[in-house]
């Protein structure tokens, strides 16, 4: 499955991208599980997989930049596998009220089974 590495939407259209983030994380989970444990073969519930965890964190300025503009709606969506980050989606709003989503994964490590 192919995913765009970057999506930009106007404020208010984020819900359709949140669905894409879920699909992206599902894809990464299936690839990692198939390469390592294959626990999903008989169980399709990705959210209950014992080795994966999904988190969303808000962002804040660095302590060295106390006057930086705080954007409370910027976020980092993360997928962990055995406490290692295996996929990330960065969400940030610009001054023109567009929301940009950037998708990253670490699937290249599957070939070496470094996870």
N, C-alpha and C. Protein backbone atom coordinates (compact mmCIF):
# COMPACT_ATOMS: atom_id res chain seq x y z
N UNK A 1 0.85 -1.18 0.00
CA UNK A 1 0.00 0.00 0.00
C UNK A 1 0.89 1.24 0.00
N UNK A 2 0.54 2.22 -0.77
CA UNK A 2 1.32 3.43 -0.87
C UNK A 2 0.62 4.57 -0.13
N UNK A 3 1.39 5.33 0.61
CA UNK A 3 0.87 6.49 1.31
C UNK A 3 1.66 7.71 0.87
N UNK A 4 0.97 8.83 0.72
CA UNK A 4 1.67 10.07 0.45
C UNK A 4 2.50 10.41 1.68
N UNK A 5 3.64 10.98 1.47
CA UNK A 5 4.51 11.35 2.58
C UNK A 5 4.13 12.68 3.19
N UNK A 6 3.28 13.42 2.50
CA UNK A 6 2.86 14.72 3.02
C UNK A 6 1.46 15.04 2.52
N UNK A 7 0.62 15.51 3.43
CA UNK A 7 -0.73 15.95 3.09
C UNK A 7 -0.95 17.32 3.71
N UNK A 8 -1.61 18.20 2.97
CA UNK A 8 -1.96 19.52 3.49
C UNK A 8 -3.45 19.73 3.30
N UNK A 9 -4.13 20.13 4.37
CA UNK A 9 -5.57 20.38 4.31
C UNK A 9 -5.87 21.70 5.00
N UNK A 10 -7.01 22.27 4.69
CA UNK A 10 -7.47 23.49 5.35
C UNK A 10 -8.01 23.08 6.73
N UNK A 11 -7.91 23.96 7.68
CA UNK A 11 -8.43 23.70 9.02
C UNK A 11 -9.88 23.25 8.93
N UNK A 12 -10.21 22.20 9.65
CA UNK A 12 -11.55 21.63 9.63
C UNK A 12 -11.62 20.34 8.83
N UNK A 13 -10.62 20.08 8.00
CA UNK A 13 -10.60 18.86 7.19
C UNK A 13 -9.65 17.82 7.76
N UNK A 14 -9.18 18.02 8.98
CA UNK A 14 -8.21 17.09 9.57
C UNK A 14 -8.79 15.70 9.80
N UNK A 15 -10.09 15.59 10.03
CA UNK A 15 -10.68 14.28 10.34
C UNK A 15 -10.40 13.25 9.27
N UNK A 16 -10.43 13.64 8.00
CA UNK A 16 -10.15 12.66 6.96
C UNK A 16 -8.68 12.24 6.98
N UNK A 17 -7.80 13.14 7.42
CA UNK A 17 -6.38 12.78 7.53
C UNK A 17 -6.15 11.90 8.75
N UNK A 18 -6.90 12.13 9.84
CA UNK A 18 -6.76 11.26 11.01
C UNK A 18 -7.10 9.82 10.64
N UNK A 19 -8.08 9.63 9.76
CA UNK A 19 -8.40 8.29 9.29
C UNK A 19 -7.21 7.72 8.51
N UNK A 20 -6.57 8.55 7.69
CA UNK A 20 -5.39 8.12 6.93
C UNK A 20 -4.25 7.76 7.87
N UNK A 21 -4.07 8.52 8.96
CA UNK A 21 -3.03 8.20 9.95
C UNK A 21 -3.29 6.81 10.53
N UNK A 22 -4.53 6.53 10.89
CA UNK A 22 -4.88 5.21 11.40
C UNK A 22 -4.57 4.11 10.40
N UNK A 23 -4.90 4.33 9.12
CA UNK A 23 -4.61 3.35 8.08
C UNK A 23 -3.10 3.17 7.90
N UNK A 24 -2.36 4.27 7.99
CA UNK A 24 -0.90 4.23 7.87
C UNK A 24 -0.30 3.41 9.01
N UNK A 25 -0.74 3.67 10.24
CA UNK A 25 -0.25 2.91 11.38
C UNK A 25 -0.65 1.42 11.26
N UNK A 26 -1.86 1.15 10.80
CA UNK A 26 -2.29 -0.24 10.59
C UNK A 26 -1.36 -0.94 9.60
N UNK A 27 -1.03 -0.26 8.52
CA UNK A 27 -0.14 -0.82 7.51
C UNK A 27 1.24 -1.15 8.10
N UNK A 28 1.78 -0.19 8.87
CA UNK A 28 3.10 -0.41 9.48
C UNK A 28 3.03 -1.58 10.45
N UNK A 29 1.97 -1.64 11.27
CA UNK A 29 1.82 -2.75 12.22
C UNK A 29 1.77 -4.08 11.51
N UNK A 30 0.99 -4.17 10.44
CA UNK A 30 0.89 -5.44 9.72
C UNK A 30 2.23 -5.87 9.15
N UNK A 31 2.98 -4.93 8.60
CA UNK A 31 4.28 -5.26 8.02
C UNK A 31 5.25 -5.75 9.09
N UNK A 32 5.29 -5.05 10.22
CA UNK A 32 6.20 -5.45 11.30
C UNK A 32 5.78 -6.78 11.89
N UNK A 33 4.49 -6.94 12.14
CA UNK A 33 4.01 -8.19 12.72
C UNK A 33 4.29 -9.37 11.79
N UNK A 34 4.06 -9.21 10.51
CA UNK A 34 4.30 -10.29 9.55
C UNK A 34 5.78 -10.66 9.49
N UNK A 35 6.65 -9.70 9.67
CA UNK A 35 8.09 -9.96 9.58
C UNK A 35 8.66 -10.53 10.88
N UNK A 36 7.96 -10.35 11.99
CA UNK A 36 8.53 -10.74 13.28
C UNK A 36 7.75 -11.79 14.04
N UNK A 37 6.46 -11.60 14.22
CA UNK A 37 5.71 -12.47 15.12
C UNK A 37 4.52 -13.17 14.48
N UNK A 38 3.91 -12.51 13.53
CA UNK A 38 2.73 -13.02 12.85
C UNK A 38 1.58 -13.33 13.81
N UNK A 39 1.43 -12.50 14.83
CA UNK A 39 0.33 -12.67 15.78
C UNK A 39 -1.02 -12.28 15.18
N UNK A 40 -0.99 -11.48 14.12
CA UNK A 40 -2.24 -11.00 13.54
C UNK A 40 -2.88 -12.01 12.59
N UNK A 41 -2.22 -13.11 12.33
CA UNK A 41 -2.75 -14.08 11.37
C UNK A 41 -4.18 -14.50 11.71
N UNK A 42 -4.47 -14.69 12.97
CA UNK A 42 -5.81 -15.10 13.36
C UNK A 42 -6.59 -14.02 14.06
N UNK A 43 -6.00 -12.85 14.26
CA UNK A 43 -6.65 -11.78 15.01
C UNK A 43 -6.47 -10.47 14.26
N UNK A 44 -7.56 -9.86 13.84
CA UNK A 44 -7.48 -8.64 13.04
C UNK A 44 -7.53 -7.37 13.87
N UNK A 45 -7.62 -7.47 15.19
CA UNK A 45 -7.73 -6.27 16.02
C UNK A 45 -6.35 -5.68 16.29
N UNK A 46 -5.96 -4.72 15.44
CA UNK A 46 -4.63 -4.12 15.53
C UNK A 46 -4.43 -3.32 16.81
N UNK A 47 -5.49 -2.74 17.33
CA UNK A 47 -5.36 -1.90 18.52
C UNK A 47 -5.09 -2.70 19.78
N UNK A 48 -5.32 -4.01 19.74
CA UNK A 48 -5.09 -4.85 20.92
C UNK A 48 -3.81 -5.66 20.83
N UNK A 49 -3.02 -5.41 19.82
CA UNK A 49 -1.75 -6.14 19.66
C UNK A 49 -0.88 -5.81 20.87
N UNK A 50 -0.31 -6.82 21.54
CA UNK A 50 0.41 -6.58 22.80
C UNK A 50 1.71 -5.79 22.66
N UNK A 51 2.31 -5.76 21.48
CA UNK A 51 3.62 -5.11 21.34
C UNK A 51 3.56 -3.72 20.73
N UNK A 52 2.38 -3.25 20.36
CA UNK A 52 2.25 -1.94 19.73
C UNK A 52 1.51 -0.97 20.63
N UNK A 53 1.89 0.28 20.54
CA UNK A 53 1.20 1.35 21.28
C UNK A 53 1.16 2.59 20.41
N UNK A 54 0.01 3.26 20.40
CA UNK A 54 -0.16 4.50 19.65
C UNK A 54 -0.28 5.65 20.64
N UNK A 55 0.43 6.74 20.34
CA UNK A 55 0.38 7.92 21.21
C UNK A 55 0.29 9.18 20.38
N UNK A 56 -0.30 10.22 20.96
CA UNK A 56 -0.32 11.55 20.36
C UNK A 56 0.16 12.52 21.42
N UNK A 57 1.10 13.37 21.05
CA UNK A 57 1.64 14.37 21.98
C UNK A 57 1.55 15.74 21.34
N UNK A 58 1.21 16.72 22.14
CA UNK A 58 1.24 18.10 21.68
C UNK A 58 2.67 18.62 21.69
N UNK A 59 2.91 19.70 21.01
CA UNK A 59 4.26 20.26 20.97
C UNK A 59 4.30 21.57 21.75
N UNK A 60 5.50 21.96 22.11
CA UNK A 60 5.70 23.23 22.81
C UNK A 60 7.07 23.77 22.41
N UNK A 61 7.29 25.07 22.58
CA UNK A 61 8.60 25.64 22.22
C UNK A 61 9.72 25.09 23.08
N UNK A 62 10.91 25.11 22.54
CA UNK A 62 12.09 24.72 23.31
C UNK A 62 12.30 25.71 24.44
N UNK A 63 12.88 25.25 25.53
CA UNK A 63 13.15 26.15 26.65
C UNK A 63 14.08 27.28 26.26
N UNK A 64 14.92 27.04 25.26
CA UNK A 64 15.84 28.08 24.81
C UNK A 64 15.15 29.14 23.96
N UNK A 65 13.85 28.92 23.63
CA UNK A 65 13.08 29.87 22.84
C UNK A 65 11.79 30.23 23.59
N UNK A 66 11.91 30.90 24.74
CA UNK A 66 10.71 31.15 25.54
C UNK A 66 9.69 32.06 24.86
N UNK A 67 10.12 32.88 23.90
CA UNK A 67 9.20 33.79 23.23
C UNK A 67 8.60 33.19 21.96
N UNK A 68 8.88 31.94 21.68
CA UNK A 68 8.37 31.30 20.46
C UNK A 68 6.86 31.18 20.53
N UNK A 69 6.25 31.28 19.37
CA UNK A 69 4.80 31.18 19.27
C UNK A 69 4.36 29.75 19.62
N UNK A 70 3.45 29.64 20.56
CA UNK A 70 2.92 28.33 20.94
C UNK A 70 1.73 28.02 20.05
N UNK A 71 1.79 26.89 19.39
CA UNK A 71 0.69 26.44 18.54
C UNK A 71 0.10 25.20 19.21
N UNK A 72 -0.97 25.38 19.95
CA UNK A 72 -1.50 24.25 20.72
C UNK A 72 -2.03 23.11 19.87
N UNK A 73 -2.25 23.35 18.58
CA UNK A 73 -2.79 22.29 17.74
C UNK A 73 -1.73 21.56 16.92
N UNK A 74 -0.46 21.86 17.12
CA UNK A 74 0.61 21.07 16.52
C UNK A 74 0.73 19.78 17.34
N UNK A 75 0.98 18.67 16.66
CA UNK A 75 1.03 17.40 17.37
C UNK A 75 1.97 16.42 16.68
N UNK A 76 2.36 15.42 17.45
CA UNK A 76 3.16 14.31 16.94
C UNK A 76 2.39 13.03 17.23
N UNK A 77 2.04 12.30 16.19
CA UNK A 77 1.35 11.01 16.31
C UNK A 77 2.43 9.94 16.18
N UNK A 78 2.51 9.02 17.14
CA UNK A 78 3.59 8.04 17.16
C UNK A 78 3.05 6.62 17.29
N UNK A 79 3.73 5.71 16.61
CA UNK A 79 3.46 4.29 16.75
C UNK A 79 4.72 3.63 17.29
N UNK A 80 4.58 2.92 18.41
CA UNK A 80 5.70 2.24 19.05
C UNK A 80 5.55 0.74 18.87
N UNK A 81 6.67 0.08 18.70
CA UNK A 81 6.72 -1.38 18.69
C UNK A 81 7.80 -1.78 19.68
N UNK A 82 7.40 -2.47 20.74
CA UNK A 82 8.32 -2.87 21.81
C UNK A 82 9.15 -1.67 22.28
N UNK A 83 8.47 -0.57 22.55
CA UNK A 83 9.06 0.67 23.07
C UNK A 83 9.98 1.40 22.10
N UNK A 84 9.97 1.03 20.83
CA UNK A 84 10.75 1.74 19.82
C UNK A 84 9.79 2.44 18.86
N UNK A 85 10.10 3.67 18.49
CA UNK A 85 9.26 4.40 17.55
C UNK A 85 9.46 3.79 16.17
N UNK A 86 8.37 3.35 15.55
CA UNK A 86 8.46 2.75 14.22
C UNK A 86 7.73 3.56 13.15
N UNK A 87 6.89 4.50 13.58
CA UNK A 87 6.22 5.39 12.63
C UNK A 87 5.82 6.67 13.35
N UNK A 88 5.88 7.78 12.60
CA UNK A 88 5.55 9.09 13.15
C UNK A 88 4.81 9.89 12.10
N UNK A 89 3.82 10.65 12.56
CA UNK A 89 3.16 11.63 11.71
C UNK A 89 3.23 12.96 12.44
N UNK A 90 3.86 13.94 11.79
CA UNK A 90 3.97 15.29 12.35
C UNK A 90 2.80 16.11 11.82
N UNK A 91 2.11 16.79 12.73
CA UNK A 91 0.97 17.63 12.37
C UNK A 91 1.29 19.07 12.76
N UNK A 92 1.25 19.99 11.80
CA UNK A 92 1.55 21.38 12.14
C UNK A 92 0.67 22.33 11.32
N UNK A 93 0.28 23.41 11.95
CA UNK A 93 -0.57 24.43 11.32
C UNK A 93 0.31 25.62 10.94
N UNK A 94 0.06 26.16 9.77
CA UNK A 94 0.83 27.33 9.35
C UNK A 94 0.04 28.62 9.59
N UNK A 95 0.64 29.75 9.27
CA UNK A 95 0.00 31.05 9.50
C UNK A 95 -1.20 31.30 8.60
N UNK A 96 -1.36 30.50 7.55
CA UNK A 96 -2.49 30.65 6.63
C UNK A 96 -3.62 29.68 6.96
N UNK A 97 -3.52 29.04 8.10
CA UNK A 97 -4.53 28.13 8.63
C UNK A 97 -4.65 26.82 7.86
N UNK A 98 -3.57 26.41 7.23
CA UNK A 98 -3.50 25.08 6.63
C UNK A 98 -2.81 24.15 7.62
N UNK A 99 -3.21 22.89 7.60
CA UNK A 99 -2.59 21.90 8.48
C UNK A 99 -1.81 20.93 7.60
N UNK A 100 -0.54 20.79 7.91
CA UNK A 100 0.33 19.90 7.15
C UNK A 100 0.62 18.66 7.99
N UNK A 101 0.53 17.50 7.33
CA UNK A 101 0.84 16.22 7.96
C UNK A 101 2.01 15.60 7.20
N UNK A 102 3.06 15.22 7.92
CA UNK A 102 4.23 14.58 7.32
C UNK A 102 4.36 13.18 7.90
N UNK A 103 4.44 12.17 7.03
CA UNK A 103 4.44 10.76 7.42
C UNK A 103 5.85 10.18 7.32
N UNK A 104 6.27 9.46 8.37
CA UNK A 104 7.59 8.82 8.41
C UNK A 104 7.43 7.41 8.97
N UNK A 105 8.20 6.46 8.44
CA UNK A 105 8.22 5.13 9.02
C UNK A 105 9.65 4.60 9.01
N UNK A 106 9.84 3.48 9.70
CA UNK A 106 11.16 2.84 9.80
C UNK A 106 11.10 1.42 9.25
N UNK A 107 10.32 1.22 8.21
CA UNK A 107 10.16 -0.12 7.66
C UNK A 107 11.42 -0.65 6.99
N UNK A 108 12.37 0.21 6.66
CA UNK A 108 13.61 -0.27 6.04
C UNK A 108 14.35 -1.22 6.97
N UNK A 109 14.09 -1.16 8.28
CA UNK A 109 14.74 -2.04 9.23
C UNK A 109 14.18 -3.46 9.19
N UNK A 110 13.03 -3.66 8.55
CA UNK A 110 12.47 -4.99 8.48
C UNK A 110 13.36 -5.95 7.73
N UNK A 111 14.07 -5.46 6.73
CA UNK A 111 14.94 -6.34 5.96
C UNK A 111 16.04 -6.91 6.82
N UNK A 112 16.48 -6.15 7.81
CA UNK A 112 17.54 -6.62 8.69
C UNK A 112 16.98 -7.20 9.99
N UNK A 113 15.66 -7.11 10.14
CA UNK A 113 14.97 -7.56 11.37
C UNK A 113 15.64 -6.96 12.61
N UNK A 114 15.91 -5.64 12.53
CA UNK A 114 16.55 -4.96 13.64
C UNK A 114 15.57 -4.63 14.76
N UNK A 115 14.28 -4.80 14.49
CA UNK A 115 13.30 -4.49 15.52
C UNK A 115 13.28 -5.58 16.50
